[in-house]
Amino acid sequence: MSKKLFVGSLSWDTNDEGLRNAFRAHGEISEAVVVSDRDTGRSRGFGFVTFEDDDAADKAVAALNGSQLDGRTIRVDVAQAKQRTGGGGGGNGRGGNSRGGYGDRW
C-alpha cells in the first residue's frame, strides 16, 4: 500500500527532482511533485511525495521533518485526504432553484 506525505516550507528553488532526491534514501517513491501556481508556474512552497511502502514513508517523516532542504527547514507529515464539498447547485441554498422557492408553480 502507498502513503502520501505532505512537504511544506519548500524553497522556491526546489523542483520535483530535488524533492525526489531528498526522499529517495528512505524507500521507493512512486511520485514526487512540487505544487506550482496555475497562472505563474512558480512553486507554491509545498509538495507531495508518495512512497510505495507505508513503513518507508513513516521513516522518512521521522528522519526529514525539521531537516534542511535547499536552505529551508521543511515540514514533513502524512498528507490528509482533501475534504470534498458538495459543489454545484445555484448557491442560493435551494438546490439551484433561483425562483424563490416557487419552482413548481412557474
N, C-alpha and C. Protein backbone atom coordinates (compact mmCIF):
# COMPACT_ATOMS: atom_id res chain seq x y z
N MET A 1 0.84 -1.18 0.00
CA MET A 1 0.00 0.00 0.00
C MET A 1 0.89 1.24 0.00
N SER A 2 0.47 2.30 -0.65
CA SER A 2 1.27 3.51 -0.72
C SER A 2 0.79 4.54 0.29
N LYS A 3 1.70 5.46 0.63
CA LYS A 3 1.37 6.52 1.58
C LYS A 3 1.92 7.82 1.04
N LYS A 4 1.08 8.86 1.06
CA LYS A 4 1.46 10.18 0.55
C LYS A 4 1.84 11.09 1.71
N LEU A 5 2.96 11.79 1.53
CA LEU A 5 3.44 12.74 2.51
C LEU A 5 3.29 14.16 2.00
N PHE A 6 2.95 15.06 2.90
CA PHE A 6 2.93 16.49 2.61
C PHE A 6 4.29 17.05 3.00
N VAL A 7 4.86 17.89 2.15
CA VAL A 7 6.14 18.53 2.45
C VAL A 7 5.94 20.04 2.31
N GLY A 8 6.07 20.75 3.42
CA GLY A 8 5.84 22.19 3.42
C GLY A 8 7.09 22.99 3.67
N SER A 9 6.99 24.29 3.47
CA SER A 9 8.09 25.25 3.64
C SER A 9 9.23 25.01 2.67
N LEU A 10 8.89 24.58 1.46
CA LEU A 10 9.92 24.35 0.44
C LEU A 10 10.48 25.67 -0.08
N SER A 11 11.74 25.61 -0.45
CA SER A 11 12.38 26.75 -1.11
C SER A 11 11.74 26.94 -2.48
N TRP A 12 11.73 28.18 -2.97
CA TRP A 12 11.21 28.44 -4.31
C TRP A 12 12.05 27.72 -5.36
N ASP A 13 13.29 27.35 -5.00
CA ASP A 13 14.20 26.69 -5.94
C ASP A 13 14.03 25.18 -6.00
N THR A 14 13.30 24.60 -5.07
CA THR A 14 13.13 23.14 -5.05
C THR A 14 12.18 22.72 -6.17
N ASN A 15 12.60 21.73 -6.96
CA ASN A 15 11.76 21.21 -8.03
C ASN A 15 11.43 19.74 -7.75
N ASP A 16 10.67 19.11 -8.65
CA ASP A 16 10.25 17.72 -8.46
C ASP A 16 11.44 16.80 -8.24
N GLU A 17 12.46 16.94 -9.06
CA GLU A 17 13.63 16.06 -8.97
C GLU A 17 14.38 16.26 -7.66
N GLY A 18 14.52 17.50 -7.23
CA GLY A 18 15.19 17.77 -5.95
C GLY A 18 14.42 17.19 -4.78
N LEU A 19 13.10 17.27 -4.85
CA LEU A 19 12.26 16.68 -3.81
C LEU A 19 12.41 15.17 -3.79
N ARG A 20 12.37 14.56 -4.97
CA ARG A 20 12.55 13.11 -5.08
C ARG A 20 13.91 12.68 -4.51
N ASN A 21 14.96 13.41 -4.86
CA ASN A 21 16.30 13.06 -4.39
C ASN A 21 16.42 13.16 -2.88
N ALA A 22 15.74 14.13 -2.27
CA ALA A 22 15.82 14.30 -0.83
C ALA A 22 15.18 13.13 -0.07
N PHE A 23 14.18 12.50 -0.68
CA PHE A 23 13.44 11.43 -0.01
C PHE A 23 13.86 10.03 -0.45
N ARG A 24 14.57 9.95 -1.54
CA ARG A 24 14.93 8.67 -2.17
C ARG A 24 15.62 7.69 -1.22
N ALA A 25 16.44 8.18 -0.33
CA ALA A 25 17.21 7.30 0.56
C ALA A 25 16.33 6.52 1.53
N HIS A 26 15.07 6.91 1.66
CA HIS A 26 14.20 6.29 2.65
C HIS A 26 13.26 5.23 2.09
N GLY A 27 13.26 5.04 0.78
CA GLY A 27 12.43 4.00 0.20
C GLY A 27 12.02 4.32 -1.23
N GLU A 28 11.28 3.40 -1.82
CA GLU A 28 10.85 3.55 -3.21
C GLU A 28 9.73 4.58 -3.32
N ILE A 29 9.94 5.55 -4.20
CA ILE A 29 9.00 6.65 -4.39
C ILE A 29 8.28 6.47 -5.71
N SER A 30 6.95 6.56 -5.67
CA SER A 30 6.20 6.46 -6.92
C SER A 30 5.93 7.83 -7.52
N GLU A 31 5.95 8.89 -6.68
CA GLU A 31 5.68 10.23 -7.19
C GLU A 31 6.26 11.27 -6.24
N ALA A 32 6.84 12.32 -6.81
CA ALA A 32 7.30 13.48 -6.04
C ALA A 32 6.95 14.71 -6.85
N VAL A 33 6.11 15.57 -6.27
CA VAL A 33 5.59 16.73 -7.01
C VAL A 33 5.66 17.98 -6.15
N VAL A 34 6.27 19.03 -6.69
CA VAL A 34 6.21 20.35 -6.08
C VAL A 34 5.02 21.05 -6.73
N VAL A 35 4.10 21.53 -5.91
CA VAL A 35 2.89 22.18 -6.42
C VAL A 35 3.24 23.58 -6.89
N SER A 36 2.80 23.91 -8.10
CA SER A 36 3.10 25.24 -8.65
C SER A 36 1.81 26.00 -8.92
N ASP A 37 1.94 27.31 -8.94
CA ASP A 37 0.82 28.19 -9.21
C ASP A 37 0.36 28.00 -10.65
N ARG A 38 -0.92 27.87 -10.84
CA ARG A 38 -1.50 27.63 -12.16
C ARG A 38 -1.20 28.77 -13.14
N ASP A 39 -1.21 30.00 -12.66
CA ASP A 39 -1.03 31.15 -13.54
C ASP A 39 0.44 31.48 -13.81
N THR A 40 1.26 31.47 -12.76
CA THR A 40 2.65 31.91 -12.90
C THR A 40 3.64 30.77 -13.11
N GLY A 41 3.26 29.55 -12.72
CA GLY A 41 4.17 28.41 -12.80
C GLY A 41 5.18 28.38 -11.66
N ARG A 42 5.14 29.36 -10.78
CA ARG A 42 6.07 29.43 -9.65
C ARG A 42 5.63 28.46 -8.56
N SER A 43 6.61 27.90 -7.85
CA SER A 43 6.31 27.00 -6.74
C SER A 43 5.43 27.68 -5.72
N ARG A 44 4.51 26.92 -5.14
CA ARG A 44 3.65 27.43 -4.07
C ARG A 44 4.25 27.14 -2.70
N GLY A 45 5.45 26.51 -2.67
CA GLY A 45 6.16 26.29 -1.41
C GLY A 45 5.81 25.01 -0.70
N PHE A 46 5.10 24.12 -1.38
CA PHE A 46 4.81 22.82 -0.78
C PHE A 46 4.71 21.77 -1.88
N GLY A 47 4.73 20.52 -1.46
CA GLY A 47 4.65 19.42 -2.42
C GLY A 47 4.22 18.14 -1.73
N PHE A 48 4.24 17.07 -2.51
CA PHE A 48 3.82 15.76 -2.02
C PHE A 48 4.79 14.70 -2.52
N VAL A 49 5.08 13.74 -1.65
CA VAL A 49 5.91 12.60 -2.00
C VAL A 49 5.12 11.35 -1.65
N THR A 50 4.97 10.44 -2.62
CA THR A 50 4.23 9.21 -2.39
C THR A 50 5.21 8.04 -2.36
N PHE A 51 5.21 7.32 -1.24
CA PHE A 51 6.04 6.14 -1.07
C PHE A 51 5.24 4.89 -1.38
N GLU A 52 5.90 3.90 -1.93
CA GLU A 52 5.27 2.61 -2.20
C GLU A 52 4.95 1.86 -0.91
N ASP A 53 5.76 2.08 0.12
CA ASP A 53 5.66 1.32 1.37
C ASP A 53 5.35 2.27 2.54
N ASP A 54 4.34 1.93 3.33
CA ASP A 54 3.95 2.75 4.47
C ASP A 54 5.07 2.93 5.49
N ASP A 55 5.80 1.85 5.77
CA ASP A 55 6.89 1.93 6.76
C ASP A 55 7.98 2.88 6.29
N ALA A 56 8.31 2.85 5.01
CA ALA A 56 9.32 3.76 4.46
C ALA A 56 8.86 5.20 4.59
N ALA A 57 7.59 5.44 4.35
CA ALA A 57 7.04 6.79 4.48
C ALA A 57 7.14 7.27 5.92
N ASP A 58 6.80 6.41 6.86
CA ASP A 58 6.87 6.78 8.28
C ASP A 58 8.30 7.09 8.70
N LYS A 59 9.25 6.31 8.19
CA LYS A 59 10.67 6.56 8.49
C LYS A 59 11.13 7.88 7.88
N ALA A 60 10.64 8.19 6.70
CA ALA A 60 11.00 9.46 6.06
C ALA A 60 10.47 10.64 6.86
N VAL A 61 9.25 10.53 7.38
CA VAL A 61 8.69 11.60 8.21
C VAL A 61 9.59 11.82 9.43
N ALA A 62 9.94 10.72 10.10
CA ALA A 62 10.76 10.82 11.30
C ALA A 62 12.14 11.41 11.00
N ALA A 63 12.71 11.05 9.87
CA ALA A 63 14.06 11.49 9.53
C ALA A 63 14.11 12.90 8.95
N LEU A 64 13.10 13.30 8.19
CA LEU A 64 13.20 14.54 7.43
C LEU A 64 12.39 15.71 7.97
N ASN A 65 11.41 15.47 8.83
CA ASN A 65 10.65 16.58 9.39
C ASN A 65 11.60 17.47 10.20
N GLY A 66 11.67 18.74 9.86
CA GLY A 66 12.56 19.68 10.54
C GLY A 66 13.97 19.72 9.97
N SER A 67 14.21 18.97 8.90
CA SER A 67 15.53 18.97 8.27
C SER A 67 15.65 20.10 7.25
N GLN A 68 16.83 20.29 6.72
CA GLN A 68 17.11 21.34 5.74
C GLN A 68 17.05 20.79 4.32
N LEU A 69 16.40 21.52 3.43
CA LEU A 69 16.39 21.20 2.01
C LEU A 69 16.49 22.52 1.24
N ASP A 70 17.52 22.66 0.45
CA ASP A 70 17.75 23.87 -0.34
C ASP A 70 17.70 25.13 0.52
N GLY A 71 18.29 25.04 1.73
CA GLY A 71 18.41 26.19 2.60
C GLY A 71 17.18 26.51 3.44
N ARG A 72 16.17 25.66 3.41
CA ARG A 72 14.95 25.89 4.19
C ARG A 72 14.70 24.71 5.12
N THR A 73 14.14 24.99 6.29
CA THR A 73 13.72 23.93 7.20
C THR A 73 12.34 23.47 6.75
N ILE A 74 12.25 22.20 6.35
CA ILE A 74 11.00 21.70 5.79
C ILE A 74 10.14 21.02 6.86
N ARG A 75 8.86 20.99 6.58
CA ARG A 75 7.88 20.29 7.42
C ARG A 75 7.40 19.08 6.64
N VAL A 76 7.45 17.91 7.25
CA VAL A 76 7.03 16.68 6.59
C VAL A 76 6.02 15.98 7.48
N ASP A 77 4.88 15.62 6.89
CA ASP A 77 3.84 14.93 7.65
C ASP A 77 3.02 14.08 6.68
N VAL A 78 2.27 13.15 7.23
CA VAL A 78 1.40 12.33 6.40
C VAL A 78 0.31 13.24 5.84
N ALA A 79 0.08 13.17 4.53
CA ALA A 79 -0.92 14.02 3.88
C ALA A 79 -2.32 13.60 4.33
N GLN A 80 -3.16 14.60 4.52
CA GLN A 80 -4.55 14.36 4.88
C GLN A 80 -5.39 14.36 3.61
N ALA A 81 -6.41 13.52 3.56
CA ALA A 81 -7.30 13.49 2.40
C ALA A 81 -8.00 14.83 2.27
N LYS A 82 -8.09 15.34 1.07
CA LYS A 82 -8.75 16.62 0.82
C LYS A 82 -10.25 16.46 1.06
N GLN A 83 -10.80 17.39 1.82
CA GLN A 83 -12.23 17.37 2.08
C GLN A 83 -12.96 17.86 0.84
N ARG A 84 -13.87 17.08 0.37
CA ARG A 84 -14.65 17.45 -0.81
C ARG A 84 -15.94 18.11 -0.34
N THR A 85 -16.24 19.22 -0.97
CA THR A 85 -17.51 19.88 -0.66
C THR A 85 -18.51 19.46 -1.72
N GLY A 86 -19.77 19.71 -1.45
CA GLY A 86 -20.83 19.29 -2.35
C GLY A 86 -20.87 20.08 -3.63
N GLY A 87 -20.10 20.78 -4.16
CA GLY A 87 -20.10 21.56 -5.38
C GLY A 87 -21.40 21.57 -6.18
N GLY A 88 -21.49 22.41 -7.13
CA GLY A 88 -22.66 22.50 -7.98
C GLY A 88 -23.78 23.27 -7.33
N GLY A 89 -24.94 23.21 -7.91
CA GLY A 89 -26.08 23.94 -7.37
C GLY A 89 -25.99 25.42 -7.69
N GLY A 90 -27.02 26.13 -7.35
CA GLY A 90 -27.09 27.55 -7.67
C GLY A 90 -26.53 28.46 -6.61
N GLY A 91 -26.16 27.95 -5.47
CA GLY A 91 -25.57 28.76 -4.44
C GLY A 91 -26.58 29.59 -3.67
N ASN A 92 -27.86 29.33 -3.84
CA ASN A 92 -28.85 30.13 -3.13
C ASN A 92 -29.50 29.35 -1.99
N GLY A 93 -28.97 28.17 -1.69
CA GLY A 93 -29.50 27.40 -0.58
C GLY A 93 -30.77 26.65 -0.90
N ARG A 94 -31.21 26.68 -2.14
CA ARG A 94 -32.44 25.99 -2.52
C ARG A 94 -32.17 24.97 -3.62
N GLY A 95 -30.97 24.41 -3.58
CA GLY A 95 -30.66 23.36 -4.56
C GLY A 95 -30.59 23.84 -6.00
N GLY A 96 -30.29 25.09 -6.21
CA GLY A 96 -30.13 25.59 -7.56
C GLY A 96 -31.39 26.23 -8.13
N ASN A 97 -32.51 26.11 -7.48
CA ASN A 97 -33.74 26.73 -7.96
C ASN A 97 -33.71 28.20 -7.57
N SER A 98 -33.61 29.08 -8.52
CA SER A 98 -33.47 30.50 -8.22
C SER A 98 -34.79 31.25 -8.34
N ARG A 99 -35.90 30.55 -8.30
CA ARG A 99 -37.21 31.20 -8.46
C ARG A 99 -37.91 31.44 -7.14
N GLY A 100 -37.14 31.62 -6.08
CA GLY A 100 -37.75 31.98 -4.80
C GLY A 100 -38.54 30.86 -4.15
N GLY A 101 -38.28 29.63 -4.49
CA GLY A 101 -38.97 28.52 -3.85
C GLY A 101 -40.31 28.18 -4.50
N TYR A 102 -40.65 28.83 -5.59
CA TYR A 102 -41.93 28.57 -6.26
C TYR A 102 -41.73 27.83 -7.57
N GLY A 103 -40.67 27.00 -7.62
CA GLY A 103 -40.30 26.34 -8.86
C GLY A 103 -41.41 25.53 -9.51
N ASP A 104 -42.27 24.90 -8.72
CA ASP A 104 -43.31 24.07 -9.31
C ASP A 104 -44.45 24.89 -9.89
N ARG A 105 -44.53 26.13 -9.52
CA ARG A 105 -45.65 26.95 -9.94
C ARG A 105 -45.33 27.74 -11.22
N TRP A 106 -44.07 27.76 -11.65
CA TRP A 106 -43.70 28.57 -12.82
C TRP A 106 -43.61 27.71 -14.01
